[in-house]
Amino acid sequence: MISRHCMIISELEHSWQVLLDQDVLKYDNEFLFGSCFPADRLTTITNYNHLNKIISCMEGGKTVVMYNLENIHESLYDMLNQRYQKRPSGQPYCRVALGSESRDCYVSEKFKLIIIVIKSVAYSPEMPIAFLNRFEKQLISYESSLQPEIRERIPAMRNRLCQAFGVSDDQLSELFPGFCDDTIPSALSCILADEKYEELKIEQYTEPEEEAKTETVDIRDIELKMLKLFRPMCRSEKLIELAIQKKYPSSDDPAQLEHFPALVLFFKKK
């Protein structure tokens, strides 16, 4: 039986990528992203290329992930509505419009379409209700993907990040390009995915225990990994600027320097 296609309502433009971190989406799926430039979106050749790739995936039973391709939705009307017909052999097919012509295309039962829509767009008055109703909808965000005990620690980890680099909360976006409310949850998701991968590798070479241990989360260890992840991403020139502007307690022992900018100044004096 062919199930409904899925609409991923992404909290922010990048939030859907948590599905790659969690191995829900595979890197070998067919990802088709539309251009943000109006002239590109009106190009007939580009539209044909996208449609041909989708047709190939329909026939081959491959998962297609689409984003920002509203201009070809009309061509896929029958497929999006799952208005499939069957040949005498029992194979389902549907029509795909290619300009002024249409083509009957075989649809494998393994084929799956996923459309990504940003939350602000999905809930806007311009989004047709009929289009939304065609899909099974899932709201995705990095924060909601985290375990409750980690999710409730996000504000504390944000404060710890400010303390480690000696900046205020408002200065985080200046120190880390592109920093937003989803940055720390996405970093935590990445760290947890790496830990899970390492655990799976260890399990391959160890004997399974008779009683499964209860999974526990080492918040302190995750916090240290988060700080280690953020250090190479900061703007070094901003770090020096903050260190020069601020006055830190003088100390000859770098271990006693609480803020990272102060540590920079310490070694600069050397």
Protein backbone atom coordinates (compact mmCIF):
# COMPACT_ATOMS: atom_id res chain seq x y z
CA MET A 1 0.00 0.00 0.00
CA ILE A 2 1.32 3.47 -0.91
CA SER A 3 1.29 5.79 2.12
CA ARG A 4 0.69 9.52 2.08
CA HIS A 5 3.54 11.83 1.23
CA CYS A 6 5.09 13.80 4.07
CA MET A 7 5.44 17.52 4.71
CA ILE A 8 8.22 18.54 7.09
CA ILE A 9 7.33 21.86 8.70
CA SER A 10 10.75 23.15 9.73
CA GLU A 11 10.98 25.58 12.67
CA LEU A 12 13.79 27.45 10.87
CA GLU A 13 15.30 27.04 7.41
CA HIS A 14 17.94 24.59 8.65
CA SER A 15 15.97 22.77 11.37
CA TRP A 16 14.99 19.89 9.08
CA GLN A 17 18.65 18.80 8.99
CA VAL A 18 18.14 17.19 12.40
CA LEU A 19 16.57 14.34 10.41
CA LEU A 20 19.98 13.73 8.83
CA ASP A 21 21.64 13.83 12.27
CA GLN A 22 19.14 11.26 13.56
CA ASP A 23 19.50 9.09 10.44
CA VAL A 24 15.81 9.49 9.55
CA LEU A 25 16.77 10.93 6.18
CA LYS A 26 19.66 9.34 4.31
CA TYR A 27 22.40 11.18 2.48
CA ASP A 28 21.72 9.08 -0.61
CA ASN A 29 18.12 10.36 -0.85
CA GLU A 30 17.46 12.67 -3.78
CA PHE A 31 17.58 16.28 -2.51
CA LEU A 32 16.08 18.86 -4.89
CA PHE A 33 16.31 22.48 -3.75
CA GLY A 34 14.97 25.40 -5.73
CA SER A 35 16.92 28.59 -6.32
CA CYS A 36 16.19 31.79 -4.41
CA PHE A 37 16.74 33.88 -7.55
CA PRO A 38 13.49 34.68 -9.44
CA ALA A 39 15.11 34.34 -12.88
CA ASP A 40 16.34 30.82 -12.04
CA ARG A 41 12.91 29.71 -10.89
CA LEU A 42 11.34 30.64 -14.21
CA THR A 43 13.87 28.71 -16.28
CA THR A 44 12.13 25.92 -18.20
CA ILE A 45 15.27 23.79 -18.45
CA THR A 46 15.74 23.81 -14.66
CA ASN A 47 12.11 22.79 -14.13
CA TYR A 48 12.46 19.94 -16.65
CA ASN A 49 15.63 18.72 -14.96
CA HIS A 50 13.88 18.60 -11.57
CA LEU A 51 10.84 16.84 -13.02
CA ASN A 52 12.97 14.24 -14.81
CA LYS A 53 14.82 13.47 -11.58
CA ILE A 54 11.52 13.08 -9.72
CA ILE A 55 10.15 10.79 -12.44
CA SER A 56 13.29 8.65 -12.21
CA CYS A 57 12.89 8.37 -8.43
CA MET A 58 9.18 7.54 -8.77
CA GLU A 59 10.03 4.63 -11.03
CA GLY A 60 13.06 3.52 -9.01
CA GLY A 61 11.37 3.71 -5.61
CA LYS A 62 13.71 6.34 -4.19
CA THR A 63 12.90 9.00 -1.60
CA VAL A 64 12.80 12.58 -2.89
CA VAL A 65 13.24 15.60 -0.59
CA MET A 66 11.96 18.86 -2.14
CA TYR A 67 12.35 22.43 -0.94
CA ASN A 68 11.41 25.73 -2.58
CA LEU A 69 10.07 24.11 -5.75
CA GLU A 70 6.54 25.52 -5.75
CA ASN A 71 6.83 26.29 -9.44
CA ILE A 72 6.64 22.58 -10.38
CA HIS A 73 3.92 21.56 -7.91
CA GLU A 74 1.26 22.01 -10.60
CA SER A 75 3.12 19.59 -12.88
CA LEU A 76 3.03 16.99 -10.09
CA TYR A 77 -0.67 17.50 -9.29
CA ASP A 78 -1.72 13.85 -9.74
CA MET A 79 1.31 12.53 -7.85
CA LEU A 80 0.90 14.95 -4.92
CA ASN A 81 -2.78 14.02 -4.66
CA GLN A 82 -1.91 10.33 -5.18
CA ARG A 83 -4.40 10.06 -8.01
CA TYR A 84 -2.86 6.82 -9.20
CA GLN A 85 -4.33 4.53 -11.82
CA LYS A 86 -3.42 0.91 -12.43
CA ARG A 87 -2.47 -0.87 -15.59
CA PRO A 88 -3.75 -4.41 -16.28
CA SER A 89 -0.47 -5.68 -14.85
CA GLY A 90 -1.35 -4.00 -11.53
CA GLN A 91 1.40 -1.39 -11.71
CA PRO A 92 0.27 2.06 -10.46
CA TYR A 93 1.00 5.10 -12.57
CA CYS A 94 0.12 8.78 -12.71
CA ARG A 95 0.44 11.66 -15.12
CA VAL A 96 3.21 14.24 -14.85
CA ALA A 97 2.85 17.43 -16.87
CA LEU A 98 5.87 18.51 -18.88
CA GLY A 99 4.97 21.90 -20.29
CA SER A 100 1.98 21.54 -22.61
CA GLU A 101 2.36 17.76 -22.70
CA SER A 102 1.92 15.03 -20.09
CA ARG A 103 3.55 11.70 -19.49
CA ASP A 104 2.32 8.53 -17.77
CA CYS A 105 4.87 7.54 -15.13
CA TYR A 106 5.13 4.32 -13.17
CA VAL A 107 5.09 4.81 -9.36
CA SER A 108 6.95 2.29 -7.24
CA GLU A 109 5.40 1.38 -3.89
CA LYS A 110 8.74 2.27 -2.29
CA PHE A 111 8.65 5.82 -3.63
CA LYS A 112 8.28 8.53 -1.00
CA LEU A 113 8.07 12.29 -1.39
CA ILE A 114 9.02 14.69 1.39
CA ILE A 115 8.37 18.41 1.01
CA ILE A 116 10.12 20.84 3.36
CA VAL A 117 8.24 24.00 4.29
CA ILE A 118 9.38 26.67 6.74
CA LYS A 119 6.98 27.08 9.67
CA SER A 120 6.38 30.78 8.99
CA VAL A 121 5.41 29.93 5.39
CA ALA A 122 3.24 26.93 6.29
CA TYR A 123 1.20 29.00 8.76
CA SER A 124 0.92 32.06 6.54
CA PRO A 125 -2.42 33.04 4.92
CA GLU A 126 -0.83 32.56 1.47
CA MET A 127 -0.43 28.80 2.00
CA PRO A 128 -3.45 26.99 0.45
CA ILE A 129 -5.25 24.79 2.97
CA ALA A 130 -5.96 22.24 0.23
CA PHE A 131 -2.22 21.87 -0.41
CA LEU A 132 -1.49 21.29 3.30
CA ASN A 133 -4.21 18.65 3.55
CA ARG A 134 -2.52 16.47 0.91
CA PHE A 135 0.30 15.52 3.28
CA GLU A 136 1.09 13.84 6.54
CA LYS A 137 2.62 16.78 8.45
CA GLN A 138 5.44 16.77 11.00
CA LEU A 139 6.78 19.81 12.86
CA ILE A 140 10.56 19.55 13.24
CA SER A 141 13.02 21.55 15.34
CA TYR A 142 16.39 20.81 16.88
CA GLU A 143 15.17 21.63 20.37
CA SER A 144 12.18 19.27 20.26
CA SER A 145 14.46 16.44 19.09
CA LEU A 146 16.51 16.56 22.31
CA GLN A 147 15.86 14.53 25.44
CA PRO A 148 13.89 16.47 28.10
CA GLU A 149 16.77 16.53 30.59
CA ILE A 150 19.05 18.08 27.97
CA ARG A 151 16.41 20.42 26.60
CA GLU A 152 15.82 21.99 29.99
CA ARG A 153 19.57 22.65 30.32
CA ILE A 154 19.81 24.74 27.14
CA PRO A 155 19.51 28.14 28.94
CA ALA A 156 22.21 27.10 31.43
CA MET A 157 24.49 25.96 28.60
CA ARG A 158 23.95 29.26 26.83
CA ASN A 159 25.02 31.09 29.99
CA ARG A 160 28.04 28.81 30.29
CA LEU A 161 29.01 29.67 26.71
CA CYS A 162 28.85 33.37 27.56
CA GLN A 163 30.98 32.84 30.64
CA ALA A 164 33.60 30.77 28.81
CA PHE A 165 34.12 33.43 26.15
CA GLY A 166 33.56 36.46 28.38
CA VAL A 167 30.67 37.89 26.38
CA SER A 168 27.08 38.89 27.03
CA ASP A 169 24.14 37.02 25.53
CA ASP A 170 23.64 39.80 22.97
CA GLN A 171 27.25 39.44 21.77
CA LEU A 172 27.06 35.75 20.89
CA SER A 173 25.89 36.52 17.35
CA GLU A 174 28.88 38.86 16.92
CA LEU A 175 31.34 36.25 18.14
CA PHE A 176 29.82 33.28 16.27
CA PRO A 177 28.64 34.07 12.70
CA GLY A 178 25.06 32.96 12.14
CA PHE A 179 24.36 32.30 15.83
CA CYS A 180 20.62 31.97 16.56
CA ASP A 181 18.28 30.28 19.01
CA ASP A 182 18.75 26.98 17.16
CA THR A 183 22.55 27.00 17.29
CA ILE A 184 23.05 25.40 20.70
CA PRO A 185 20.29 22.76 20.19
CA SER A 186 21.81 21.85 16.80
CA ALA A 187 25.28 21.55 18.38
CA LEU A 188 23.87 19.30 21.10
CA SER A 189 22.09 17.17 18.51
CA CYS A 190 25.36 16.74 16.62
CA ILE A 191 27.25 15.77 19.79
CA LEU A 192 24.62 13.21 20.81
CA ALA A 193 24.55 11.73 17.30
CA ASP A 194 28.35 11.29 17.40
CA GLU A 195 28.13 9.63 20.83
CA LYS A 196 25.46 7.24 19.57
CA TYR A 197 27.62 6.36 16.57
CA GLU A 198 30.61 5.63 18.83
CA GLU A 199 28.45 3.44 21.07
CA LEU A 200 27.25 1.43 18.08
CA LYS A 201 30.85 0.87 16.96
CA ILE A 202 31.81 -0.35 20.45
CA GLU A 203 28.81 -2.70 20.59
CA GLN A 204 30.01 -4.41 17.42
CA TYR A 205 33.14 -5.65 19.19
CA THR A 206 31.77 -6.38 22.65
CA GLU A 207 29.59 -9.14 24.06
CA PRO A 208 25.99 -8.06 24.72
CA GLU A 209 25.17 -7.76 28.43
CA GLU A 210 22.39 -9.86 29.91
CA GLU A 211 20.62 -6.85 31.39
CA ALA A 212 20.41 -3.65 29.40
CA LYS A 213 21.73 -0.69 31.30
CA THR A 214 19.56 2.37 31.73
CA GLU A 215 20.82 5.12 29.48
CA THR A 216 22.09 8.10 31.44
CA VAL A 217 23.13 11.49 30.14
CA ASP A 218 26.36 13.04 31.40
CA ILE A 219 25.41 16.71 31.24
CA ARG A 220 28.86 17.88 32.31
CA ASP A 221 30.58 15.86 29.59
CA ILE A 222 28.17 17.19 26.96
CA GLU A 223 28.79 20.75 28.14
CA LEU A 224 32.56 20.34 27.78
CA LYS A 225 32.15 18.87 24.28
CA MET A 226 29.92 21.80 23.35
CA LEU A 227 32.55 24.34 24.42
CA LYS A 228 35.20 22.41 22.50
CA LEU A 229 32.97 22.45 19.42
CA PHE A 230 32.38 26.21 19.63
CA ARG A 231 35.98 27.33 20.18
CA PRO A 232 37.22 27.00 16.57
CA MET A 233 34.04 28.64 15.24
CA CYS A 234 34.47 32.00 16.96
CA ARG A 235 35.71 35.09 15.15
CA SER A 236 39.26 35.55 16.40
CA GLU A 237 39.33 39.27 15.60
CA LYS A 238 36.18 39.80 17.68
CA LEU A 239 37.70 37.81 20.49
CA ILE A 240 40.80 40.06 20.54
CA GLU A 241 38.60 43.15 20.34
CA LEU A 242 36.58 42.03 23.36
CA ALA A 243 39.74 41.18 25.25
CA ILE A 244 41.21 44.64 24.61
CA GLN A 245 38.02 46.47 25.56
CA LYS A 246 37.46 44.58 28.79
CA LYS A 247 39.54 44.62 31.95
CA TYR A 248 40.20 41.24 33.54
CA PRO A 249 41.89 40.48 36.88
CA SER A 250 45.62 40.22 36.35
CA SER A 251 47.08 36.77 36.90
CA ASP A 252 50.30 34.99 36.00
CA ASP A 253 48.61 31.58 35.94
CA PRO A 254 46.55 30.81 32.82
CA ALA A 255 44.65 28.16 34.76
CA GLN A 256 43.16 30.93 36.90
CA LEU A 257 41.81 32.89 33.93
CA GLU A 258 38.08 32.34 33.79
CA HIS A 259 37.35 33.97 30.42
CA PHE A 260 38.73 32.85 27.10
CA PRO A 261 39.57 36.42 25.95
CA ALA A 262 41.63 36.84 29.09
CA LEU A 263 43.53 33.71 28.16
CA VAL A 264 44.25 35.25 24.76
CA LEU A 265 45.67 38.36 26.42
CA PHE A 266 47.77 36.26 28.78
CA PHE A 267 49.58 34.52 25.94
CA LYS A 268 49.75 37.78 23.97
CA LYS A 269 51.79 39.29 26.82
CA LYS A 270 54.17 36.33 26.62
